[in-house]
Amino acid sequence: MEKRAIISVKSFSDIDPNEAIEVVTPGTFIIHDEGFKAIYEESEISGMDGTTTTLNIKDNSMVLERVGSINTNMEFKEGVTAVSLYNTPYGILDLNVDTKKLKINIDENGGEIHSKYVLGLEGQEGISTELSIKIKVN
C-alpha cells in the first residue's frame, strides 16, 4: 500500500554538533510484506539536488539508497560495520558505516528512526554522526 507522507531528516555530527542539516519534504510511504519504504527527492539544502533517496526499513535494519547526482547504498544495522560505495560527480569513495545504535519505531502510520553511527573513509578515523528521521503519513 502506498501513501503520501511528510518526511523529516535531521543529521548532525561531532564536527559541529550545533550545526544540523534538516530537510522536511513530501514523499511516498510504502507498506509491503518485508517492511516499509520511504521515498523522497533531495534538494539543494542537502547538497544532493537531483537525487532520489529511498529508505528500506525493516524491524532491525535500514538501507539508505540514493540514486541521481549522488549514488550510494548505506546499510544501518546496530553492531554492524557495513562498507558502502559513495559515488559522487567528483569520484567514488569507500565509506564505512559503523552503526552504534539504531532505533526503529515505524508502523502503517509512519513513525521515527534514530541512528548513531561512525562514518569514515577507508583507512581514516570516522566521524560520529546522528540521524533522526520522522515520517508522518498524510
N, C-alpha and C. Protein backbone atom coordinates (compact mmCIF):
# COMPACT_ATOMS: atom_id res chain seq x y z
N MET A 1 0.84 -1.18 0.00
CA MET A 1 0.00 0.00 0.00
C MET A 1 0.89 1.24 0.00
N GLU A 2 0.54 2.20 -0.83
CA GLU A 2 1.31 3.43 -0.97
C GLU A 2 0.53 4.61 -0.41
N LYS A 3 1.22 5.44 0.39
CA LYS A 3 0.59 6.62 0.99
C LYS A 3 1.50 7.83 0.81
N ARG A 4 0.89 9.00 0.79
CA ARG A 4 1.68 10.24 0.78
C ARG A 4 2.14 10.52 2.20
N ALA A 5 3.31 11.13 2.32
CA ALA A 5 3.86 11.40 3.65
C ALA A 5 4.73 12.65 3.63
N ILE A 6 4.92 13.21 4.83
CA ILE A 6 5.90 14.27 5.04
C ILE A 6 7.08 13.61 5.74
N ILE A 7 8.27 13.76 5.17
CA ILE A 7 9.46 13.10 5.68
C ILE A 7 10.44 14.18 6.16
N SER A 8 10.84 14.05 7.42
CA SER A 8 11.80 14.97 8.02
C SER A 8 13.09 14.21 8.31
N VAL A 9 14.21 14.72 7.81
CA VAL A 9 15.50 14.08 8.01
C VAL A 9 16.43 15.12 8.64
N LYS A 10 16.98 14.78 9.81
CA LYS A 10 17.88 15.69 10.52
C LYS A 10 19.17 14.94 10.82
N SER A 11 20.30 15.58 10.49
CA SER A 11 21.59 14.94 10.67
C SER A 11 22.57 15.94 11.27
N PHE A 12 23.38 15.47 12.22
CA PHE A 12 24.47 16.28 12.73
C PHE A 12 25.61 15.38 13.18
N SER A 13 26.81 15.96 13.25
CA SER A 13 28.00 15.17 13.58
C SER A 13 28.78 15.82 14.70
N ASP A 14 29.81 15.11 15.18
CA ASP A 14 30.62 15.65 16.26
C ASP A 14 31.59 16.73 15.77
N ILE A 15 31.67 16.95 14.46
CA ILE A 15 32.49 18.05 13.94
C ILE A 15 31.93 19.37 14.44
N ASP A 16 30.60 19.54 14.33
CA ASP A 16 29.92 20.72 14.86
C ASP A 16 28.51 20.32 15.27
N PRO A 17 28.34 19.85 16.52
CA PRO A 17 27.03 19.37 16.98
C PRO A 17 25.92 20.42 16.93
N ASN A 18 26.31 21.71 16.90
CA ASN A 18 25.31 22.78 16.85
C ASN A 18 24.84 23.07 15.44
N GLU A 19 25.49 22.48 14.45
CA GLU A 19 25.12 22.73 13.06
C GLU A 19 24.48 21.48 12.47
N ALA A 20 23.17 21.43 12.53
CA ALA A 20 22.44 20.29 11.99
C ALA A 20 21.95 20.63 10.59
N ILE A 21 21.84 19.59 9.78
CA ILE A 21 21.21 19.72 8.47
C ILE A 21 19.84 19.08 8.62
N GLU A 22 18.79 19.85 8.31
CA GLU A 22 17.43 19.31 8.41
C GLU A 22 16.67 19.60 7.12
N VAL A 23 16.05 18.55 6.60
CA VAL A 23 15.24 18.66 5.39
C VAL A 23 13.86 18.11 5.71
N VAL A 24 12.83 18.89 5.37
CA VAL A 24 11.44 18.43 5.50
C VAL A 24 10.85 18.48 4.11
N THR A 25 10.35 17.33 3.64
CA THR A 25 9.92 17.24 2.25
C THR A 25 8.76 16.27 2.08
N PRO A 26 7.92 16.49 1.08
CA PRO A 26 6.89 15.48 0.79
C PRO A 26 7.53 14.25 0.17
N GLY A 27 6.91 13.12 0.40
CA GLY A 27 7.43 11.89 -0.16
C GLY A 27 6.35 10.82 -0.21
N THR A 28 6.79 9.60 -0.42
CA THR A 28 5.90 8.45 -0.52
C THR A 28 6.28 7.45 0.55
N PHE A 29 5.29 6.88 1.21
CA PHE A 29 5.49 5.85 2.22
C PHE A 29 4.81 4.59 1.73
N ILE A 30 5.57 3.51 1.64
CA ILE A 30 5.05 2.26 1.08
C ILE A 30 5.11 1.16 2.15
N ILE A 31 4.00 0.47 2.30
CA ILE A 31 3.92 -0.66 3.22
C ILE A 31 3.94 -1.93 2.37
N HIS A 32 4.87 -2.85 2.70
CA HIS A 32 4.93 -4.11 1.96
C HIS A 32 5.24 -5.24 2.94
N ASP A 33 5.24 -6.47 2.45
CA ASP A 33 5.39 -7.65 3.30
C ASP A 33 6.69 -7.66 4.11
N GLU A 34 7.75 -7.13 3.55
CA GLU A 34 9.06 -7.20 4.20
C GLU A 34 9.37 -5.99 5.07
N GLY A 35 8.47 -5.01 5.13
CA GLY A 35 8.71 -3.81 5.94
C GLY A 35 8.09 -2.58 5.30
N PHE A 36 8.88 -1.51 5.26
CA PHE A 36 8.38 -0.22 4.77
C PHE A 36 9.44 0.42 3.88
N LYS A 37 8.97 1.34 3.04
CA LYS A 37 9.86 2.17 2.23
C LYS A 37 9.38 3.61 2.36
N ALA A 38 10.32 4.52 2.44
CA ALA A 38 10.03 5.95 2.37
C ALA A 38 10.89 6.50 1.24
N ILE A 39 10.27 7.22 0.32
CA ILE A 39 10.96 7.72 -0.86
C ILE A 39 10.75 9.23 -0.95
N TYR A 40 11.85 9.96 -1.18
CA TYR A 40 11.73 11.42 -1.31
C TYR A 40 12.85 11.95 -2.20
N GLU A 41 12.64 13.16 -2.69
CA GLU A 41 13.62 13.83 -3.55
C GLU A 41 14.49 14.75 -2.69
N GLU A 42 15.79 14.66 -2.90
CA GLU A 42 16.71 15.55 -2.20
C GLU A 42 16.62 16.95 -2.81
N SER A 43 17.18 17.94 -2.10
CA SER A 43 17.12 19.32 -2.57
C SER A 43 18.49 19.97 -2.48
N GLU A 44 18.55 21.24 -2.86
CA GLU A 44 19.80 22.00 -2.77
C GLU A 44 20.27 22.10 -1.32
N ILE A 45 19.32 22.15 -0.38
CA ILE A 45 19.66 22.28 1.05
C ILE A 45 20.56 21.14 1.50
N SER A 46 20.27 19.94 1.03
CA SER A 46 21.07 18.77 1.42
C SER A 46 22.34 18.65 0.59
N GLY A 47 22.43 19.46 -0.47
CA GLY A 47 23.59 19.38 -1.35
C GLY A 47 23.51 18.24 -2.36
N MET A 48 22.32 17.64 -2.47
CA MET A 48 22.16 16.48 -3.37
C MET A 48 20.98 16.66 -4.31
N ASP A 49 20.78 17.88 -4.80
CA ASP A 49 19.70 18.16 -5.73
C ASP A 49 19.79 17.20 -6.91
N GLY A 50 18.66 16.66 -7.34
CA GLY A 50 18.65 15.72 -8.45
C GLY A 50 18.84 14.27 -8.01
N THR A 51 18.73 14.02 -6.72
CA THR A 51 18.91 12.67 -6.18
C THR A 51 17.62 12.20 -5.51
N THR A 52 17.23 10.96 -5.77
CA THR A 52 16.09 10.33 -5.09
C THR A 52 16.63 9.42 -4.00
N THR A 53 16.10 9.60 -2.78
CA THR A 53 16.51 8.77 -1.65
C THR A 53 15.38 7.82 -1.30
N THR A 54 15.74 6.55 -1.12
CA THR A 54 14.79 5.51 -0.70
C THR A 54 15.31 4.91 0.60
N LEU A 55 14.46 4.90 1.62
CA LEU A 55 14.78 4.24 2.88
C LEU A 55 14.05 2.91 2.90
N ASN A 56 14.79 1.81 2.90
CA ASN A 56 14.20 0.48 3.01
C ASN A 56 14.29 0.09 4.48
N ILE A 57 13.13 0.02 5.14
CA ILE A 57 13.08 -0.13 6.60
C ILE A 57 12.53 -1.50 6.97
N LYS A 58 13.29 -2.21 7.81
CA LYS A 58 12.84 -3.50 8.35
C LYS A 58 12.81 -3.39 9.86
N ASP A 59 12.55 -4.49 10.56
CA ASP A 59 12.45 -4.46 12.02
C ASP A 59 13.73 -3.97 12.69
N ASN A 60 14.89 -4.45 12.23
CA ASN A 60 16.13 -4.11 12.92
C ASN A 60 17.23 -3.60 11.98
N SER A 61 16.83 -3.11 10.81
CA SER A 61 17.82 -2.56 9.88
C SER A 61 17.17 -1.56 8.93
N MET A 62 18.03 -0.74 8.34
CA MET A 62 17.57 0.22 7.35
C MET A 62 18.66 0.35 6.30
N VAL A 63 18.26 0.41 5.04
CA VAL A 63 19.18 0.68 3.96
C VAL A 63 18.78 2.01 3.33
N LEU A 64 19.74 2.94 3.27
CA LEU A 64 19.53 4.24 2.66
C LEU A 64 20.14 4.17 1.26
N GLU A 65 19.29 4.28 0.26
CA GLU A 65 19.73 4.18 -1.13
C GLU A 65 19.50 5.52 -1.81
N ARG A 66 20.56 6.04 -2.45
CA ARG A 66 20.44 7.29 -3.20
C ARG A 66 20.81 7.02 -4.65
N VAL A 67 19.99 7.59 -5.56
CA VAL A 67 20.22 7.45 -6.99
C VAL A 67 20.04 8.82 -7.63
N GLY A 68 21.02 9.23 -8.43
CA GLY A 68 20.94 10.52 -9.12
C GLY A 68 22.30 11.16 -9.17
N SER A 69 22.40 12.44 -8.73
CA SER A 69 23.69 13.13 -8.74
C SER A 69 24.66 12.48 -7.75
N ILE A 70 24.12 11.83 -6.72
CA ILE A 70 24.89 11.02 -5.75
C ILE A 70 24.30 9.62 -5.80
N ASN A 71 25.16 8.61 -5.83
CA ASN A 71 24.70 7.22 -5.81
C ASN A 71 25.37 6.48 -4.66
N THR A 72 24.56 5.87 -3.80
CA THR A 72 25.10 5.09 -2.69
C THR A 72 24.05 4.14 -2.15
N ASN A 73 24.52 3.19 -1.38
CA ASN A 73 23.68 2.20 -0.71
C ASN A 73 24.29 2.02 0.67
N MET A 74 23.72 2.63 1.71
CA MET A 74 24.30 2.57 3.05
C MET A 74 23.39 1.74 3.95
N GLU A 75 23.98 0.70 4.57
CA GLU A 75 23.20 -0.17 5.45
C GLU A 75 23.46 0.20 6.90
N PHE A 76 22.36 0.30 7.66
CA PHE A 76 22.42 0.59 9.08
C PHE A 76 21.84 -0.60 9.84
N LYS A 77 22.66 -1.24 10.65
CA LYS A 77 22.22 -2.34 11.49
C LYS A 77 23.07 -2.29 12.75
N GLU A 78 22.42 -2.19 13.89
CA GLU A 78 23.14 -2.00 15.16
C GLU A 78 24.21 -3.07 15.36
N GLY A 79 25.42 -2.60 15.69
CA GLY A 79 26.53 -3.51 15.95
C GLY A 79 27.25 -4.00 14.72
N VAL A 80 26.88 -3.50 13.54
CA VAL A 80 27.47 -3.97 12.28
C VAL A 80 28.16 -2.80 11.58
N THR A 81 29.34 -3.08 11.03
CA THR A 81 30.02 -2.11 10.17
C THR A 81 29.84 -2.56 8.73
N ALA A 82 29.22 -1.70 7.95
CA ALA A 82 28.97 -2.01 6.54
C ALA A 82 29.85 -1.10 5.67
N VAL A 83 30.30 -1.62 4.56
CA VAL A 83 31.09 -0.84 3.60
C VAL A 83 30.17 -0.41 2.47
N SER A 84 30.25 0.85 2.11
CA SER A 84 29.39 1.41 1.09
C SER A 84 30.22 2.18 0.07
N LEU A 85 29.87 2.05 -1.19
CA LEU A 85 30.47 2.89 -2.23
C LEU A 85 29.63 4.16 -2.33
N TYR A 86 30.29 5.30 -2.28
CA TYR A 86 29.61 6.59 -2.36
C TYR A 86 30.09 7.25 -3.65
N ASN A 87 29.24 7.24 -4.67
CA ASN A 87 29.61 7.70 -5.99
C ASN A 87 29.12 9.13 -6.18
N THR A 88 30.06 10.08 -6.30
CA THR A 88 29.73 11.49 -6.49
C THR A 88 30.20 11.93 -7.87
N PRO A 89 29.81 13.13 -8.31
CA PRO A 89 30.32 13.64 -9.58
C PRO A 89 31.84 13.81 -9.58
N TYR A 90 32.46 13.82 -8.39
CA TYR A 90 33.90 14.05 -8.26
C TYR A 90 34.70 12.77 -8.10
N GLY A 91 34.01 11.63 -7.97
CA GLY A 91 34.71 10.36 -7.81
C GLY A 91 33.98 9.44 -6.86
N ILE A 92 34.56 8.26 -6.65
CA ILE A 92 33.96 7.23 -5.81
C ILE A 92 34.75 7.11 -4.51
N LEU A 93 34.03 7.04 -3.40
CA LEU A 93 34.63 6.88 -2.08
C LEU A 93 34.16 5.57 -1.46
N ASP A 94 35.05 4.90 -0.72
CA ASP A 94 34.66 3.75 0.10
C ASP A 94 34.34 4.28 1.50
N LEU A 95 33.09 4.13 1.93
CA LEU A 95 32.69 4.59 3.25
C LEU A 95 32.41 3.41 4.16
N ASN A 96 32.83 3.53 5.42
CA ASN A 96 32.46 2.56 6.44
C ASN A 96 31.35 3.17 7.28
N VAL A 97 30.27 2.43 7.46
CA VAL A 97 29.16 2.86 8.30
C VAL A 97 29.09 1.90 9.48
N ASP A 98 29.58 2.36 10.64
CA ASP A 98 29.61 1.55 11.86
C ASP A 98 28.44 1.98 12.74
N THR A 99 27.35 1.23 12.69
CA THR A 99 26.13 1.60 13.40
C THR A 99 26.24 1.22 14.87
N LYS A 100 26.27 2.23 15.73
CA LYS A 100 26.37 2.03 17.18
C LYS A 100 24.98 1.82 17.80
N LYS A 101 23.99 2.55 17.26
CA LYS A 101 22.63 2.48 17.79
C LYS A 101 21.64 2.66 16.65
N LEU A 102 20.58 1.86 16.64
CA LEU A 102 19.52 2.00 15.65
C LEU A 102 18.21 1.70 16.33
N LYS A 103 17.34 2.70 16.38
CA LYS A 103 16.02 2.55 16.99
C LYS A 103 14.97 2.83 15.91
N ILE A 104 14.15 1.81 15.62
CA ILE A 104 13.12 1.94 14.59
C ILE A 104 11.76 1.78 15.24
N ASN A 105 10.92 2.78 15.07
CA ASN A 105 9.56 2.75 15.60
C ASN A 105 8.62 3.18 14.46
N ILE A 106 8.31 2.23 13.57
CA ILE A 106 7.54 2.52 12.37
C ILE A 106 6.35 1.56 12.29
N ASP A 107 5.20 2.10 11.89
CA ASP A 107 4.03 1.27 11.59
C ASP A 107 3.34 1.84 10.36
N GLU A 108 2.12 1.41 10.08
CA GLU A 108 1.42 1.84 8.85
C GLU A 108 1.11 3.33 8.82
N ASN A 109 1.26 4.03 9.96
CA ASN A 109 1.01 5.47 10.02
C ASN A 109 2.29 6.30 9.98
N GLY A 110 3.42 5.64 9.78
CA GLY A 110 4.70 6.33 9.79
C GLY A 110 5.42 6.06 11.10
N GLY A 111 6.20 7.03 11.55
CA GLY A 111 6.93 6.87 12.81
C GLY A 111 8.29 7.51 12.76
N GLU A 112 9.22 6.95 13.58
CA GLU A 112 10.54 7.56 13.72
C GLU A 112 11.65 6.52 13.65
N ILE A 113 12.80 6.99 13.18
CA ILE A 113 14.02 6.20 13.15
C ILE A 113 15.12 7.09 13.72
N HIS A 114 15.92 6.52 14.60
CA HIS A 114 17.06 7.27 15.15
C HIS A 114 18.28 6.36 15.09
N SER A 115 19.38 6.91 14.56
CA SER A 115 20.60 6.13 14.45
C SER A 115 21.80 6.96 14.88
N LYS A 116 22.72 6.31 15.61
CA LYS A 116 24.03 6.89 15.91
C LYS A 116 25.03 5.97 15.23
N TYR A 117 25.93 6.56 14.46
CA TYR A 117 26.89 5.76 13.72
C TYR A 117 28.17 6.53 13.50
N VAL A 118 29.23 5.80 13.18
CA VAL A 118 30.51 6.41 12.84
C VAL A 118 30.70 6.22 11.34
N LEU A 119 30.87 7.35 10.64
CA LEU A 119 31.02 7.34 9.20
C LEU A 119 32.47 7.69 8.87
N GLY A 120 33.14 6.79 8.15
CA GLY A 120 34.54 7.04 7.88
C GLY A 120 34.97 6.57 6.51
N LEU A 121 35.99 7.24 5.98
CA LEU A 121 36.63 6.80 4.75
C LEU A 121 37.56 5.65 5.08
N GLU A 122 37.73 4.76 4.16
CA GLU A 122 38.60 3.60 4.36
C GLU A 122 39.98 4.07 4.83
N GLY A 123 40.42 3.53 5.98
CA GLY A 123 41.74 3.82 6.50
C GLY A 123 41.86 5.11 7.30
N GLN A 124 40.76 5.84 7.52
CA GLN A 124 40.82 7.08 8.29
C GLN A 124 39.86 7.01 9.47
N GLU A 125 40.11 7.85 10.47
CA GLU A 125 39.24 7.91 11.63
C GLU A 125 37.87 8.45 11.20
N GLY A 126 36.82 7.87 11.75
CA GLY A 126 35.47 8.24 11.36
C GLY A 126 34.92 9.43 12.13
N ILE A 127 33.77 9.88 11.70
CA ILE A 127 33.04 10.99 12.30
C ILE A 127 31.77 10.44 12.93
N SER A 128 31.58 10.72 14.22
CA SER A 128 30.34 10.30 14.89
C SER A 128 29.19 11.15 14.37
N THR A 129 28.13 10.48 13.95
CA THR A 129 27.01 11.14 13.30
C THR A 129 25.70 10.63 13.89
N GLU A 130 24.72 11.51 13.98
CA GLU A 130 23.37 11.12 14.39
C GLU A 130 22.40 11.46 13.28
N LEU A 131 21.46 10.55 13.07
CA LEU A 131 20.45 10.72 12.04
C LEU A 131 19.08 10.47 12.65
N SER A 132 18.19 11.45 12.52
CA SER A 132 16.81 11.29 13.00
C SER A 132 15.87 11.48 11.83
N ILE A 133 14.98 10.51 11.65
CA ILE A 133 14.03 10.55 10.55
C ILE A 133 12.62 10.43 11.12
N LYS A 134 11.74 11.32 10.68
CA LYS A 134 10.33 11.26 11.07
C LYS A 134 9.49 11.14 9.82
N ILE A 135 8.57 10.22 9.83
CA ILE A 135 7.68 10.01 8.69
C ILE A 135 6.26 10.18 9.18
N LYS A 136 5.55 11.15 8.60
CA LYS A 136 4.17 11.41 9.00
C LYS A 136 3.27 11.20 7.77
N VAL A 137 2.42 10.18 7.84
CA VAL A 137 1.52 9.88 6.74
C VAL A 137 0.42 10.95 6.69
N ASN A 138 0.14 11.45 5.49
CA ASN A 138 -0.92 12.46 5.31
C ASN A 138 -2.29 11.85 5.44
